[in-house]
């Protein structure tokens, strides 16, 4: 990693390694330039500051100069694509392979281009999507990301460029998993069009396990609560609430008082408001 120091007439005793240049104190004298190679120790300190190297790493387990230089090249590449210093600790934790010696930054260029050209995200939105789901960088554009984007758009899911955690993981979900969720919605009585509308209103449903989450909640809704499919269609957000912590306790609380209210009121109200209303 080369750092250029832009100096005035005299050299300071301790150069500031965090800056690439200093302004000349005199416009009459042309500045001098000094280039030197940053020490391995300084590079390690820099990687620690970004969170790429754990501060508690033992000296004998620190990366070699070759690995460090490769990390620095990767950092420069990612920064040139809009990533910030504050992003690297998360990237290193979730996707350590980004900083592996065998990683070639050009491998993820198609994904970065896809987010701009196909998804039509801004550079800042792209950054947010990558930080929220860095595993996306290793997905195949042609066979994974493009088919998923097309499928979600056909369902009517909008604003996928918004850099939310949900959108980032949705885009990195394979089409077959999305189809399984649609098949489940069809199996409980929704038409294809109704299932599409339902999922577009509640896209988080694609992240829930069918057998261990969706089916259990649906069966509780129908068999224990005695609710209809029509009520569920009106309030697809029902699937987003915890069965054990929200749905069941409030249902039994109302049943003991012989009270029947709409699903949205039952679940959307805060605990204070709900239990104060139905004492």
Protein backbone atom coordinates (compact mmCIF):
# COMPACT_ATOMS: atom_id res chain seq x y z
CA UNK A 1 0.00 0.00 0.00
CA UNK A 2 1.62 3.22 -1.10
CA UNK A 3 0.89 6.50 0.61
CA UNK A 4 1.90 9.84 -0.91
CA UNK A 5 2.84 12.68 1.43
CA UNK A 6 2.40 16.15 0.00
CA UNK A 7 4.96 18.21 1.88
CA UNK A 8 6.01 21.84 2.23
CA UNK A 9 9.61 23.05 2.53
CA UNK A 10 10.43 21.07 5.67
CA UNK A 11 9.48 17.56 6.61
CA UNK A 12 7.58 17.08 9.88
CA UNK A 13 9.23 14.74 12.35
CA UNK A 14 6.22 12.39 12.46
CA UNK A 15 4.23 12.05 9.23
CA UNK A 16 0.47 11.57 9.57
CA UNK A 17 -0.26 8.17 8.04
CA UNK A 18 -4.01 8.68 8.04
CA UNK A 19 -3.84 11.35 5.36
CA UNK A 20 -2.64 11.02 1.78
CA UNK A 21 -1.43 14.58 1.41
CA UNK A 22 -0.63 17.79 3.17
CA UNK A 23 -1.16 21.25 1.69
CA UNK A 24 1.85 23.38 0.96
CA UNK A 25 2.28 26.31 3.31
CA UNK A 26 3.61 28.47 0.53
CA UNK A 27 2.14 28.93 -2.91
CA UNK A 28 5.45 30.36 -4.17
CA UNK A 29 7.43 27.18 -3.63
CA UNK A 30 6.41 24.00 -5.46
CA UNK A 31 5.56 21.12 -3.10
CA UNK A 32 7.83 18.14 -2.64
CA UNK A 33 6.54 14.57 -2.84
CA UNK A 34 7.75 11.66 -0.80
CA UNK A 35 6.57 8.09 -1.38
CA UNK A 36 7.27 5.22 0.93
CA UNK A 37 5.81 1.82 1.64
CA UNK A 38 3.63 1.65 4.71
CA UNK A 39 4.99 -0.80 7.25
CA UNK A 40 3.32 -4.15 7.82
CA UNK A 41 2.60 -3.09 11.38
CA UNK A 42 0.76 0.02 10.22
CA UNK A 43 -1.28 -2.03 7.77
CA UNK A 44 -2.28 -4.44 10.51
CA UNK A 45 -3.32 -1.53 12.69
CA UNK A 46 -5.44 -0.19 9.83
CA UNK A 47 -7.17 -3.55 9.30
CA UNK A 48 -7.86 -3.75 13.02
CA UNK A 49 -9.44 -0.30 12.94
CA UNK A 50 -11.81 -1.50 10.21
CA UNK A 51 -12.72 -4.61 12.17
CA UNK A 52 -11.28 -6.98 9.59
CA UNK A 53 -8.70 -8.28 12.05
CA UNK A 54 -9.88 -9.06 15.57
CA UNK A 55 -8.08 -6.86 18.08
CA UNK A 56 -7.50 -9.94 20.27
CA UNK A 57 -5.75 -11.94 17.54
CA UNK A 58 -2.49 -13.44 18.79
CA UNK A 59 0.67 -12.23 17.00
CA UNK A 60 1.46 -15.67 15.60
CA UNK A 61 -2.01 -15.84 14.02
CA UNK A 62 -1.85 -12.48 12.26
CA UNK A 63 -2.05 -12.56 8.44
CA UNK A 64 1.08 -12.51 6.36
CA UNK A 65 2.14 -9.39 4.43
CA UNK A 66 0.87 -11.02 1.23
CA UNK A 67 -2.60 -11.55 2.72
CA UNK A 68 -2.62 -8.04 4.16
CA UNK A 69 -1.78 -6.50 0.80
CA UNK A 70 -4.56 -8.52 -0.82
CA UNK A 71 -7.00 -7.29 1.84
CA UNK A 72 -5.98 -3.72 1.18
CA UNK A 73 -6.58 -4.16 -2.55
CA UNK A 74 -10.03 -5.59 -1.85
CA UNK A 75 -10.84 -2.69 0.47
CA UNK A 76 -9.80 -0.19 -2.20
CA UNK A 77 -12.01 -1.98 -4.73
CA UNK A 78 -15.05 -2.01 -2.44
CA UNK A 79 -14.55 1.61 -1.51
CA UNK A 80 -14.48 2.52 -5.18
CA UNK A 81 -17.93 0.89 -5.44
CA UNK A 82 -19.40 2.96 -2.63
CA UNK A 83 -18.66 0.98 0.52
CA UNK A 84 -17.64 2.87 3.67
CA UNK A 85 -15.07 2.18 6.39
CA UNK A 86 -17.89 1.47 8.83
CA UNK A 87 -19.15 -1.38 6.61
CA UNK A 88 -16.07 -3.59 6.68
CA UNK A 89 -16.43 -5.13 10.13
CA UNK A 90 -19.87 -6.48 9.17
CA UNK A 91 -18.62 -7.69 5.79
CA UNK A 92 -15.68 -9.47 7.41
CA UNK A 93 -17.94 -11.12 9.98
CA UNK A 94 -20.64 -12.30 7.56
CA UNK A 95 -18.46 -12.93 4.51
CA UNK A 96 -14.84 -13.55 5.56
CA UNK A 97 -14.16 -15.03 2.13
CA UNK A 98 -14.16 -11.47 0.78
CA UNK A 99 -10.76 -11.04 2.41
CA UNK A 100 -9.36 -14.43 1.54
CA UNK A 101 -6.20 -14.59 -0.51
CA UNK A 102 -8.03 -16.58 -3.21
CA UNK A 103 -10.77 -13.97 -3.62
CA UNK A 104 -10.74 -11.97 -6.85
CA UNK A 105 -12.75 -8.72 -6.60
CA UNK A 106 -13.64 -8.93 -10.27
CA UNK A 107 -15.79 -11.97 -9.44
CA UNK A 108 -18.41 -9.81 -7.72
CA UNK A 109 -18.48 -7.07 -10.36
CA UNK A 110 -21.48 -8.64 -12.19
CA UNK A 111 -23.56 -8.53 -8.98
CA UNK A 112 -22.65 -4.91 -8.33
CA UNK A 113 -23.60 -4.05 -11.92
CA UNK A 114 -26.86 -6.00 -11.61
CA UNK A 115 -27.95 -3.94 -8.62
CA UNK A 116 -27.48 -0.73 -10.59
CA UNK A 117 -28.68 -1.74 -14.06
CA UNK A 118 -31.36 -4.37 -13.43
CA UNK A 119 -32.61 -3.41 -9.99
CA UNK A 120 -32.07 0.30 -10.74
CA UNK A 121 -30.69 0.99 -7.29
CA UNK A 122 -28.61 4.07 -6.62
CA UNK A 123 -25.00 3.69 -5.46
CA UNK A 124 -26.09 4.40 -1.90
CA UNK A 125 -28.96 1.90 -2.14
CA UNK A 126 -26.61 -0.69 -3.57
CA UNK A 127 -24.29 -0.17 -0.64
CA UNK A 128 -27.15 -0.74 1.81
CA UNK A 129 -28.29 -3.93 0.08
CA UNK A 130 -24.76 -5.34 0.05
CA UNK A 131 -24.16 -4.52 3.70
CA UNK A 132 -27.49 -6.08 4.70
CA UNK A 133 -26.81 -9.27 2.77
CA UNK A 134 -23.15 -9.52 1.67
CA UNK A 135 -23.70 -13.17 0.71
CA UNK A 136 -25.54 -11.76 -2.30
CA UNK A 137 -22.18 -10.83 -3.78
CA UNK A 138 -21.46 -14.51 -4.43
CA UNK A 139 -24.78 -15.29 -6.13
CA UNK A 140 -24.92 -15.97 -9.84
CA UNK A 141 -26.64 -13.11 -11.65
CA UNK A 142 -28.00 -15.07 -14.60
CA UNK A 143 -29.27 -18.13 -12.72
CA UNK A 144 -30.16 -16.66 -9.33
CA UNK A 145 -30.56 -12.91 -9.00
CA UNK A 146 -32.23 -12.07 -12.31
CA UNK A 147 -34.85 -14.88 -12.10
CA UNK A 148 -35.68 -13.89 -8.51
CA UNK A 149 -36.06 -10.21 -9.39
CA UNK A 150 -38.30 -11.08 -12.33
CA UNK A 151 -40.46 -13.41 -10.23
CA UNK A 152 -40.91 -10.90 -7.42
CA UNK A 153 -41.85 -8.16 -9.86
CA UNK A 154 -44.44 -10.41 -11.50
CA UNK A 155 -45.98 -10.99 -8.07
CA UNK A 156 -46.24 -7.24 -7.63
CA UNK A 157 -43.54 -6.75 -4.99
CA UNK A 158 -42.39 -3.14 -5.34
CA UNK A 159 -39.52 -0.93 -4.19
CA UNK A 160 -37.02 -3.78 -4.08
CA UNK A 161 -34.24 -1.23 -4.49
CA UNK A 162 -34.94 0.17 -1.00
CA UNK A 163 -31.92 -1.03 1.04
CA UNK A 164 -33.80 -2.89 3.77
CA UNK A 165 -32.72 -6.18 5.29
CA UNK A 166 -35.89 -7.77 3.95
CA UNK A 167 -35.25 -6.66 0.36
CA UNK A 168 -31.61 -7.70 0.45
CA UNK A 169 -32.47 -11.23 1.59
CA UNK A 170 -35.46 -11.45 -0.75
CA UNK A 171 -33.26 -10.72 -3.75
CA UNK A 172 -30.88 -13.45 -2.61
CA UNK A 173 -33.67 -16.02 -2.26
CA UNK A 174 -33.91 -18.68 -4.95
CA UNK A 175 -37.04 -18.76 -7.09
CA UNK A 176 -37.90 -22.32 -6.06
CA UNK A 177 -38.18 -21.25 -2.42
CA UNK A 178 -40.49 -18.40 -3.45
CA UNK A 179 -42.63 -20.85 -5.42
CA UNK A 180 -42.92 -23.19 -2.43
CA UNK A 181 -44.43 -20.36 -0.41
CA UNK A 182 -46.90 -19.62 -3.21
CA UNK A 183 -47.83 -23.30 -3.33
CA UNK A 184 -48.51 -23.24 0.40
CA UNK A 185 -50.80 -20.23 0.00
CA UNK A 186 -52.62 -22.03 -2.80
CA UNK A 187 -52.96 -25.13 -0.59
CA UNK A 188 -54.84 -23.20 2.12
CA UNK A 189 -57.39 -21.95 -0.35
CA UNK A 190 -56.04 -18.87 -2.11
CA UNK A 191 -56.16 -18.56 -5.89
CA UNK A 192 -52.94 -17.81 -7.75
CA UNK A 193 -53.93 -14.15 -8.07
CA UNK A 194 -54.87 -13.94 -4.40
CA UNK A 195 -51.61 -15.61 -3.38
CA UNK A 196 -49.65 -13.09 -5.48
CA UNK A 197 -51.45 -10.14 -3.89
CA UNK A 198 -51.11 -11.69 -0.44
CA UNK A 199 -47.35 -12.15 -0.77
CA UNK A 200 -46.82 -8.71 -2.32
CA UNK A 201 -48.52 -7.17 0.73
CA UNK A 202 -46.46 -9.36 3.07
CA UNK A 203 -43.17 -10.18 1.27
CA UNK A 204 -41.54 -11.16 4.56
CA UNK A 205 -43.60 -14.36 4.29
CA UNK A 206 -40.97 -15.73 1.89
CA UNK A 207 -38.48 -15.86 4.74
CA UNK A 208 -40.64 -18.03 7.01
CA UNK A 209 -40.38 -21.80 7.18
CA UNK A 210 -43.57 -23.40 5.87
CA UNK A 211 -43.93 -26.38 8.21
CA UNK A 212 -42.46 -24.89 11.39
CA UNK A 213 -44.06 -21.47 11.05
CA UNK A 214 -46.70 -20.76 8.44
CA UNK A 215 -48.67 -24.00 8.65
CA UNK A 216 -48.71 -24.01 12.45
CA UNK A 217 -49.98 -20.42 12.55
CA UNK A 218 -52.61 -21.12 9.92
CA UNK A 219 -53.90 -24.18 11.76
CA UNK A 220 -54.09 -22.24 15.01
CA UNK A 221 -55.98 -19.47 13.24
CA UNK A 222 -58.57 -21.83 11.79
CA UNK A 223 -58.93 -24.61 14.36
CA UNK A 224 -58.24 -22.84 17.66
CA UNK A 225 -59.32 -19.30 16.91
CA UNK A 226 -62.15 -20.22 14.57
CA UNK A 227 -61.17 -17.51 12.11
CA UNK A 228 -61.85 -17.59 8.38
CA UNK A 229 -59.60 -17.45 5.35
CA UNK A 230 -61.25 -14.14 4.44
CA UNK A 231 -59.96 -12.59 7.65
CA UNK A 232 -56.47 -13.81 6.84
CA UNK A 233 -56.66 -12.31 3.34
CA UNK A 234 -57.58 -8.98 4.89
CA UNK A 235 -54.61 -9.13 7.27
CA UNK A 236 -51.66 -11.12 5.80
CA UNK A 237 -49.41 -9.53 8.43
CA UNK A 238 -50.84 -12.13 10.82
CA UNK A 239 -48.02 -14.46 9.77
CA UNK A 240 -45.44 -11.94 10.94
CA UNK A 241 -46.38 -12.17 14.64
CA UNK A 242 -44.99 -14.66 17.14
CA UNK A 243 -47.41 -17.47 17.87
CA UNK A 244 -46.19 -18.08 21.41
CA UNK A 245 -45.55 -14.49 22.45
CA UNK A 246 -48.34 -12.59 20.72
CA UNK A 247 -51.02 -14.61 18.97
CA UNK A 248 -51.78 -17.29 21.55
CA UNK A 249 -51.67 -15.11 24.70
CA UNK A 250 -53.96 -12.47 23.23
CA UNK A 251 -56.36 -15.01 21.78
CA UNK A 252 -56.79 -16.83 25.10
CA UNK A 253 -57.04 -13.51 26.95
CA UNK A 254 -59.94 -12.45 24.73
CA UNK A 255 -61.59 -15.85 24.80
CA UNK A 256 -61.69 -15.86 28.60
CA UNK A 257 -63.59 -12.57 28.41
CA UNK A 258 -65.80 -13.73 25.55
CA UNK A 259 -64.53 -10.90 23.35
CA UNK A 260 -64.19 -11.12 19.55
CA UNK A 261 -62.28 -8.44 17.65
CA UNK A 262 -60.64 -8.15 14.23
CA UNK A 263 -57.23 -9.71 13.75
CA UNK A 264 -55.44 -6.44 13.07
CA UNK A 265 -56.72 -4.85 16.28
CA UNK A 266 -55.89 -7.96 18.25
CA UNK A 267 -52.28 -8.04 17.09
CA UNK A 268 -51.22 -4.53 16.12
CA UNK A 269 -52.00 -2.79 19.40
CA UNK A 270 -49.21 -2.44 21.95
CA UNK A 271 -49.39 -4.54 25.12
CA UNK A 272 -50.26 -1.52 27.24
CA UNK A 273 -53.11 -0.48 24.98
CA UNK A 274 -54.41 -4.01 24.41
CA UNK A 275 -54.46 -5.17 28.03
CA UNK A 276 -55.76 -1.83 29.28
CA UNK A 277 -58.66 -2.06 26.85
CA UNK A 278 -59.49 -5.69 27.57
CA UNK A 279 -58.90 -6.07 31.28
